[in-house]
Amino acid sequence: MSSTKRFGARYGRKPKAKFALIEAQQRTKYKCPYCSKFGVKRLAMGIWQCQKCDAKFASRAYTINKGA
């Protein structure tokens, strides 16, 4: 939970753990559905752009993949 250290002792353990998981998912690079290279970054909520082929597309809010 290194990204949640900025909150200090506030908000409790479980909300900070959920926040750290979501933040880690949204900051990782994903595989592009068009060129199949790992270079897709999140621009805004639900808007993703590949840095390699410059494709911009909409997907899920925090991750491209479906998952729990």
PDB file of N, CA and C in Angstrom:
ATOM      1  N   MET A   1       0.828  -1.200   0.000  1.00  0.00           N
ATOM      2  CA  MET A   1       0.000   0.000   0.000  1.00  0.00           C
ATOM      3  C   MET A   1       0.862   1.250   0.000  1.00  0.00           C
ATOM      4  N   SER A   2       1.845   1.300  -0.825  1.00  0.00           N
ATOM      5  CA  SER A   2       2.740   2.444  -0.832  1.00  0.00           C
ATOM      6  C   SER A   2       2.067   3.700  -1.376  1.00  0.00           C
ATOM      7  N   SER A   3       1.102   3.545  -2.283  1.00  0.00           N
ATOM      8  CA  SER A   3       0.459   4.722  -2.844  1.00  0.00           C
ATOM      9  C   SER A   3      -0.523   5.368  -1.871  1.00  0.00           C
ATOM     10  N   THR A   4      -0.902   4.644  -0.834  1.00  0.00           N
ATOM     11  CA  THR A   4      -1.869   5.189   0.119  1.00  0.00           C
ATOM     12  C   THR A   4      -1.212   5.762   1.366  1.00  0.00           C
ATOM     13  N   LYS A   5       0.103   5.816   1.410  1.00  0.00           N
ATOM     14  CA  LYS A   5       0.781   6.401   2.563  1.00  0.00           C
ATOM     15  C   LYS A   5       0.494   7.884   2.688  1.00  0.00           C
ATOM     16  N   ARG A   6       0.092   8.495   1.581  1.00  0.00           N
ATOM     17  CA  ARG A   6      -0.201   9.931   1.618  1.00  0.00           C
ATOM     18  C   ARG A   6      -1.425  10.258   2.463  1.00  0.00           C
ATOM     19  N   PHE A   7      -2.257   9.239   2.772  1.00  0.00           N
ATOM     20  CA  PHE A   7      -3.447   9.462   3.589  1.00  0.00           C
ATOM     21  C   PHE A   7      -3.158   9.381   5.081  1.00  0.00           C
ATOM     22  N   GLY A   8      -1.996   8.859   5.447  1.00  0.00           N
ATOM     23  CA  GLY A   8      -1.638   8.761   6.852  1.00  0.00           C
ATOM     24  C   GLY A   8      -2.528   7.782   7.597  1.00  0.00           C
ATOM     25  N   ALA A   9      -3.007   8.194   8.763  1.00  0.00           N
ATOM     26  CA  ALA A   9      -3.821   7.320   9.602  1.00  0.00           C
ATOM     27  C   ALA A   9      -5.314   7.483   9.337  1.00  0.00           C
ATOM     28  N   ARG A  10      -5.669   8.231   8.315  1.00  0.00           N
ATOM     29  CA  ARG A  10      -7.080   8.486   8.040  1.00  0.00           C
ATOM     30  C   ARG A  10      -7.704   7.377   7.193  1.00  0.00           C
ATOM     31  N   TYR A  11      -9.014   7.253   7.245  1.00  0.00           N
ATOM     32  CA  TYR A  11      -9.878   6.449   6.368  1.00  0.00           C
ATOM     33  C   TYR A  11      -9.899   4.953   6.643  1.00  0.00           C
ATOM     34  N   GLY A  12      -8.995   4.368   7.371  1.00  0.00           N
ATOM     35  CA  GLY A  12      -9.045   2.941   7.683  1.00  0.00           C
ATOM     36  C   GLY A  12      -8.268   2.093   6.686  1.00  0.00           C
ATOM     37  N   ARG A  13      -8.122   0.818   7.031  1.00  0.00           N
ATOM     38  CA  ARG A  13      -7.286  -0.081   6.255  1.00  0.00           C
ATOM     39  C   ARG A  13      -7.978  -0.574   4.994  1.00  0.00           C
ATOM     40  N   LYS A  14      -9.234  -0.995   5.090  1.00  0.00           N
ATOM     41  CA  LYS A  14      -9.921  -1.584   3.939  1.00  0.00           C
ATOM     42  C   LYS A  14     -10.147  -0.591   2.800  1.00  0.00           C
ATOM     43  N   PRO A  15     -10.623   0.614   3.053  1.00  0.00           N
ATOM     44  CA  PRO A  15     -10.760   1.564   1.942  1.00  0.00           C
ATOM     45  C   PRO A  15      -9.430   1.903   1.282  1.00  0.00           C
ATOM     46  N   LYS A  16      -8.376   1.990   2.072  1.00  0.00           N
ATOM     47  CA  LYS A  16      -7.063   2.287   1.503  1.00  0.00           C
ATOM     48  C   LYS A  16      -6.548   1.115   0.673  1.00  0.00           C
ATOM     49  N   ALA A  17      -6.841  -0.115   1.080  1.00  0.00           N
ATOM     50  CA  ALA A  17      -6.419  -1.285   0.310  1.00  0.00           C
ATOM     51  C   ALA A  17      -7.148  -1.338  -1.029  1.00  0.00           C
ATOM     52  N   LYS A  18      -8.448  -1.031  -1.030  1.00  0.00           N
ATOM     53  CA  LYS A  18      -9.216  -0.999  -2.279  1.00  0.00           C
ATOM     54  C   LYS A  18      -8.715   0.110  -3.199  1.00  0.00           C
ATOM     55  N   PHE A  19      -8.426   1.245  -2.625  1.00  0.00           N
ATOM     56  CA  PHE A  19      -7.914   2.368  -3.401  1.00  0.00           C
ATOM     57  C   PHE A  19      -6.562   2.035  -4.025  1.00  0.00           C
ATOM     58  N   ALA A  20      -5.699   1.370  -3.277  1.00  0.00           N
ATOM     59  CA  ALA A  20      -4.376   0.997  -3.785  1.00  0.00           C
ATOM     60  C   ALA A  20      -4.501   0.005  -4.937  1.00  0.00           C
ATOM     61  N   LEU A  21      -5.440  -0.934  -4.844  1.00  0.00           N
ATOM     62  CA  LEU A  21      -5.650  -1.902  -5.911  1.00  0.00           C
ATOM     63  C   LEU A  21      -6.129  -1.223  -7.188  1.00  0.00           C
ATOM     64  N   ILE A  22      -7.108  -0.340  -7.068  1.00  0.00           N
ATOM     65  CA  ILE A  22      -7.645   0.368  -8.228  1.00  0.00           C
ATOM     66  C   ILE A  22      -6.587   1.271  -8.841  1.00  0.00           C
ATOM     67  N   GLU A  23      -5.834   1.968  -8.011  1.00  0.00           N
ATOM     68  CA  GLU A  23      -4.813   2.870  -8.533  1.00  0.00           C
ATOM     69  C   GLU A  23      -3.700   2.105  -9.242  1.00  0.00           C
ATOM     70  N   ALA A  24      -3.343   0.942  -8.738  1.00  0.00           N
ATOM     71  CA  ALA A  24      -2.325   0.127  -9.396  1.00  0.00           C
ATOM     72  C   ALA A  24      -2.828  -0.384 -10.744  1.00  0.00           C
ATOM     73  N   GLN A  25      -4.111  -0.751 -10.818  1.00  0.00           N
ATOM     74  CA  GLN A  25      -4.689  -1.225 -12.081  1.00  0.00           C
ATOM     75  C   GLN A  25      -4.712  -0.130 -13.125  1.00  0.00           C
ATOM     76  N   GLN A  26      -5.075   1.065 -12.749  1.00  0.00           N
ATOM     77  CA  GLN A  26      -5.232   2.129 -13.744  1.00  0.00           C
ATOM     78  C   GLN A  26      -3.893   2.683 -14.212  1.00  0.00           C
ATOM     79  N   ARG A  27      -2.823   2.473 -13.464  1.00  0.00           N
ATOM     80  CA  ARG A  27      -1.522   3.014 -13.850  1.00  0.00           C
ATOM     81  C   ARG A  27      -0.648   2.027 -14.621  1.00  0.00           C
ATOM     82  N   THR A  28      -1.047   0.756 -14.703  1.00  0.00           N
ATOM     83  CA  THR A  28      -0.246  -0.211 -15.452  1.00  0.00           C
ATOM     84  C   THR A  28      -0.497  -0.047 -16.949  1.00  0.00           C
ATOM     85  N   LYS A  29       0.448  -0.514 -17.745  1.00  0.00           N
ATOM     86  CA  LYS A  29       0.300  -0.478 -19.191  1.00  0.00           C
ATOM     87  C   LYS A  29      -0.362  -1.772 -19.646  1.00  0.00           C
ATOM     88  N   TYR A  30      -1.288  -1.668 -20.576  1.00  0.00           N
ATOM     89  CA  TYR A  30      -2.039  -2.812 -21.057  1.00  0.00           C
ATOM     90  C   TYR A  30      -1.713  -3.102 -22.510  1.00  0.00           C
ATOM     91  N   LYS A  31      -2.151  -4.268 -22.970  1.00  0.00           N
ATOM     92  CA  LYS A  31      -1.927  -4.697 -24.344  1.00  0.00           C
ATOM     93  C   LYS A  31      -2.964  -4.046 -25.246  1.00  0.00           C
ATOM     94  N   CYS A  32      -2.489  -3.470 -26.333  1.00  0.00           N
ATOM     95  CA  CYS A  32      -3.368  -2.780 -27.276  1.00  0.00           C
ATOM     96  C   CYS A  32      -4.203  -3.789 -28.053  1.00  0.00           C
ATOM     97  N   PRO A  33      -5.516  -3.587 -28.178  1.00  0.00           N
ATOM     98  CA  PRO A  33      -6.341  -4.504 -28.963  1.00  0.00           C
ATOM     99  C   PRO A  33      -6.126  -4.366 -30.469  1.00  0.00           C
ATOM    100  N   TYR A  34      -5.459  -3.313 -30.906  1.00  0.00           N
ATOM    101  CA  TYR A  34      -5.248  -3.079 -32.334  1.00  0.00           C
ATOM    102  C   TYR A  34      -3.882  -3.569 -32.799  1.00  0.00           C
ATOM    103  N   CYS A  35      -2.813  -3.221 -32.081  1.00  0.00           N
ATOM    104  CA  CYS A  35      -1.465  -3.596 -32.524  1.00  0.00           C
ATOM    105  C   CYS A  35      -0.828  -4.667 -31.636  1.00  0.00           C
ATOM    106  N   SER A  36      -1.481  -5.070 -30.576  1.00  0.00           N
ATOM    107  CA  SER A  36      -1.038  -6.133 -29.658  1.00  0.00           C
ATOM    108  C   SER A  36       0.290  -5.841 -28.957  1.00  0.00           C
ATOM    109  N   LYS A  37       0.621  -4.585 -28.756  1.00  0.00           N
ATOM    110  CA  LYS A  37       1.827  -4.227 -28.017  1.00  0.00           C
ATOM    111  C   LYS A  37       1.435  -3.621 -26.675  1.00  0.00           C
ATOM    112  N   PHE A  38       2.308  -3.748 -25.695  1.00  0.00           N
ATOM    113  CA  PHE A  38       2.033  -3.201 -24.379  1.00  0.00           C
ATOM    114  C   PHE A  38       2.400  -1.723 -24.367  1.00  0.00           C
ATOM    115  N   GLY A  39       1.404  -0.873 -24.505  1.00  0.00           N
ATOM    116  CA  GLY A  39       1.663   0.549 -24.511  1.00  0.00           C
ATOM    117  C   GLY A  39       0.416   1.372 -24.290  1.00  0.00           C
ATOM    118  N   VAL A  40      -0.649   0.744 -23.833  1.00  0.00           N
ATOM    119  CA  VAL A  40      -1.908   1.460 -23.632  1.00  0.00           C
ATOM    120  C   VAL A  40      -1.914   2.086 -22.249  1.00  0.00           C
ATOM    121  N   LYS A  41      -2.141   3.387 -22.208  1.00  0.00           N
ATOM    122  CA  LYS A  41      -2.226   4.111 -20.946  1.00  0.00           C
ATOM    123  C   LYS A  41      -3.590   4.769 -20.826  1.00  0.00           C
ATOM    124  N   ARG A  42      -3.984   5.030 -19.609  1.00  0.00           N
ATOM    125  CA  ARG A  42      -5.262   5.667 -19.329  1.00  0.00           C
ATOM    126  C   ARG A  42      -5.118   7.181 -19.458  1.00  0.00           C
ATOM    127  N   LEU A  43      -5.967   7.795 -20.277  1.00  0.00           N
ATOM    128  CA  LEU A  43      -5.968   9.245 -20.412  1.00  0.00           C
ATOM    129  C   LEU A  43      -6.920   9.893 -19.423  1.00  0.00           C
ATOM    130  N   ALA A  44      -8.118   9.352 -19.364  1.00  0.00           N
ATOM    131  CA  ALA A  44      -9.150   9.843 -18.456  1.00  0.00           C
ATOM    132  C   ALA A  44     -10.035   8.653 -18.109  1.00  0.00           C
ATOM    133  N   MET A  45     -11.071   8.882 -17.352  1.00  0.00           N
ATOM    134  CA  MET A  45     -11.936   7.789 -16.930  1.00  0.00           C
ATOM    135  C   MET A  45     -12.593   7.134 -18.140  1.00  0.00           C
ATOM    136  N   GLY A  46     -12.174   5.907 -18.450  1.00  0.00           N
ATOM    137  CA  GLY A  46     -12.748   5.151 -19.548  1.00  0.00           C
ATOM    138  C   GLY A  46     -12.148   5.445 -20.906  1.00  0.00           C
ATOM    139  N   ILE A  47     -11.156   6.326 -20.993  1.00  0.00           N
ATOM    140  CA  ILE A  47     -10.531   6.669 -22.268  1.00  0.00           C
ATOM    141  C   ILE A  47      -9.081   6.201 -22.218  1.00  0.00           C
ATOM    142  N   TRP A  48      -8.715   5.368 -23.192  1.00  0.00           N
ATOM    143  CA  TRP A  48      -7.398   4.759 -23.247  1.00  0.00           C
ATOM    144  C   TRP A  48      -6.744   5.084 -24.579  1.00  0.00           C
ATOM    145  N   GLN A  49      -5.401   5.185 -24.575  1.00  0.00           N
ATOM    146  CA  GLN A  49      -4.671   5.485 -25.805  1.00  0.00           C
ATOM    147  C   GLN A  49      -3.403   4.649 -25.860  1.00  0.00           C
ATOM    148  N   CYS A  50      -3.166   4.058 -27.048  1.00  0.00           N
ATOM    149  CA  CYS A  50      -1.952   3.294 -27.275  1.00  0.00           C
ATOM    150  C   CYS A  50      -0.840   4.257 -27.654  1.00  0.00           C
ATOM    151  N   GLN A  51       0.307   4.105 -26.999  1.00  0.00           N
ATOM    152  CA  GLN A  51       1.428   4.983 -27.284  1.00  0.00           C
ATOM    153  C   GLN A  51       2.176   4.551 -28.536  1.00  0.00           C
ATOM    154  N   LYS A  52       1.977   3.317 -28.961  1.00  0.00           N
ATOM    155  CA  LYS A  52       2.694   2.804 -30.130  1.00  0.00           C
ATOM    156  C   LYS A  52       1.976   3.165 -31.429  1.00  0.00           C
ATOM    157  N   CYS A  53       0.685   2.755 -31.536  1.00  0.00           N
ATOM    158  CA  CYS A  53      -0.047   2.990 -32.781  1.00  0.00           C
ATOM    159  C   CYS A  53      -0.973   4.199 -32.703  1.00  0.00           C
ATOM    160  N   ASP A  54      -1.012   4.877 -31.566  1.00  0.00           N
ATOM    161  CA  ASP A  54      -1.791   6.098 -31.350  1.00  0.00           C
ATOM    162  C   ASP A  54      -3.300   5.892 -31.482  1.00  0.00           C
ATOM    163  N   ALA A  55      -3.760   4.671 -31.244  1.00  0.00           N
ATOM    164  CA  ALA A  55      -5.196   4.386 -31.269  1.00  0.00           C
ATOM    165  C   ALA A  55      -5.814   4.854 -29.955  1.00  0.00           C
ATOM    166  N   LYS A  56      -6.931   5.544 -30.039  1.00  0.00           N
ATOM    167  CA  LYS A  56      -7.642   6.013 -28.852  1.00  0.00           C
ATOM    168  C   LYS A  56      -9.001   5.329 -28.837  1.00  0.00           C
ATOM    169  N   PHE A  57      -9.360   4.753 -27.700  1.00  0.00           N
ATOM    170  CA  PHE A  57     -10.611   4.006 -27.622  1.00  0.00           C
ATOM    171  C   PHE A  57     -11.169   4.075 -26.209  1.00  0.00           C
ATOM    172  N   ALA A  58     -12.420   3.676 -26.086  1.00  0.00           N
ATOM    173  CA  ALA A  58     -13.110   3.670 -24.800  1.00  0.00           C
ATOM    174  C   ALA A  58     -13.188   2.243 -24.282  1.00  0.00           C
ATOM    175  N   SER A  59     -13.075   2.105 -22.974  1.00  0.00           N
ATOM    176  CA  SER A  59     -13.158   0.808 -22.334  1.00  0.00           C
ATOM    177  C   SER A  59     -13.637   1.022 -20.899  1.00  0.00           C
ATOM    178  N   ARG A  60     -13.284   0.124 -20.025  1.00  0.00           N
ATOM    179  CA  ARG A  60     -13.694   0.235 -18.631  1.00  0.00           C
ATOM    180  C   ARG A  60     -13.000   1.427 -17.958  1.00  0.00           C
ATOM    181  N   ALA A  61     -13.474   1.808 -16.800  1.00  0.00           N
ATOM    182  CA  ALA A  61     -12.988   3.022 -16.147  1.00  0.00           C
ATOM    183  C   ALA A  61     -11.552   2.895 -15.649  1.00  0.00           C
ATOM    184  N   TYR A  62     -11.213   1.794 -14.989  1.00  0.00           N
ATOM    185  CA  TYR A  62      -9.908   1.676 -14.360  1.00  0.00           C
ATOM    186  C   TYR A  62      -9.009   0.632 -15.005  1.00  0.00           C
ATOM    187  N   THR A  63      -9.560  -0.249 -15.831  1.00  0.00           N
ATOM    188  CA  THR A  63      -8.802  -1.302 -16.476  1.00  0.00           C
ATOM    189  C   THR A  63      -9.442  -1.642 -17.814  1.00  0.00           C
ATOM    190  N   ILE A  64      -8.660  -2.195 -18.700  1.00  0.00           N
ATOM    191  CA  ILE A  64      -9.204  -2.609 -19.990  1.00  0.00           C
ATOM    192  C   ILE A  64      -9.834  -3.984 -19.876  1.00  0.00           C
ATOM    193  N   ASN A  65      -9.200  -4.867 -19.094  1.00  0.00           N
ATOM    194  CA  ASN A  65      -9.639  -6.244 -18.975  1.00  0.00           C
ATOM    195  C   ASN A  65     -10.849  -6.361 -18.079  1.00  0.00           C
ATOM    196  N   LYS A  66     -11.698  -7.338 -18.395  1.00  0.00           N
ATOM    197  CA  LYS A  66     -12.771  -7.671 -17.475  1.00  0.00           C
ATOM    198  C   LYS A  66     -12.184  -8.482 -16.342  1.00  0.00           C
ATOM    199  N   GLY A  67     -12.633  -8.240 -15.150  1.00  0.00           N
ATOM    200  CA  GLY A  67     -12.109  -8.981 -14.012  1.00  0.00           C
ATOM    201  C   GLY A  67     -12.842  -8.629 -12.748  1.00  0.00           C
ATOM    202  N   ALA A  68     -12.512  -9.346 -11.711  1.00  0.00           N
ATOM    203  CA  ALA A  68     -13.181  -9.125 -10.425  1.00  0.00           C
ATOM    204  C   ALA A  68     -12.625  -7.904  -9.729  1.00  0.00           C
TER     205      ALA A  68
END
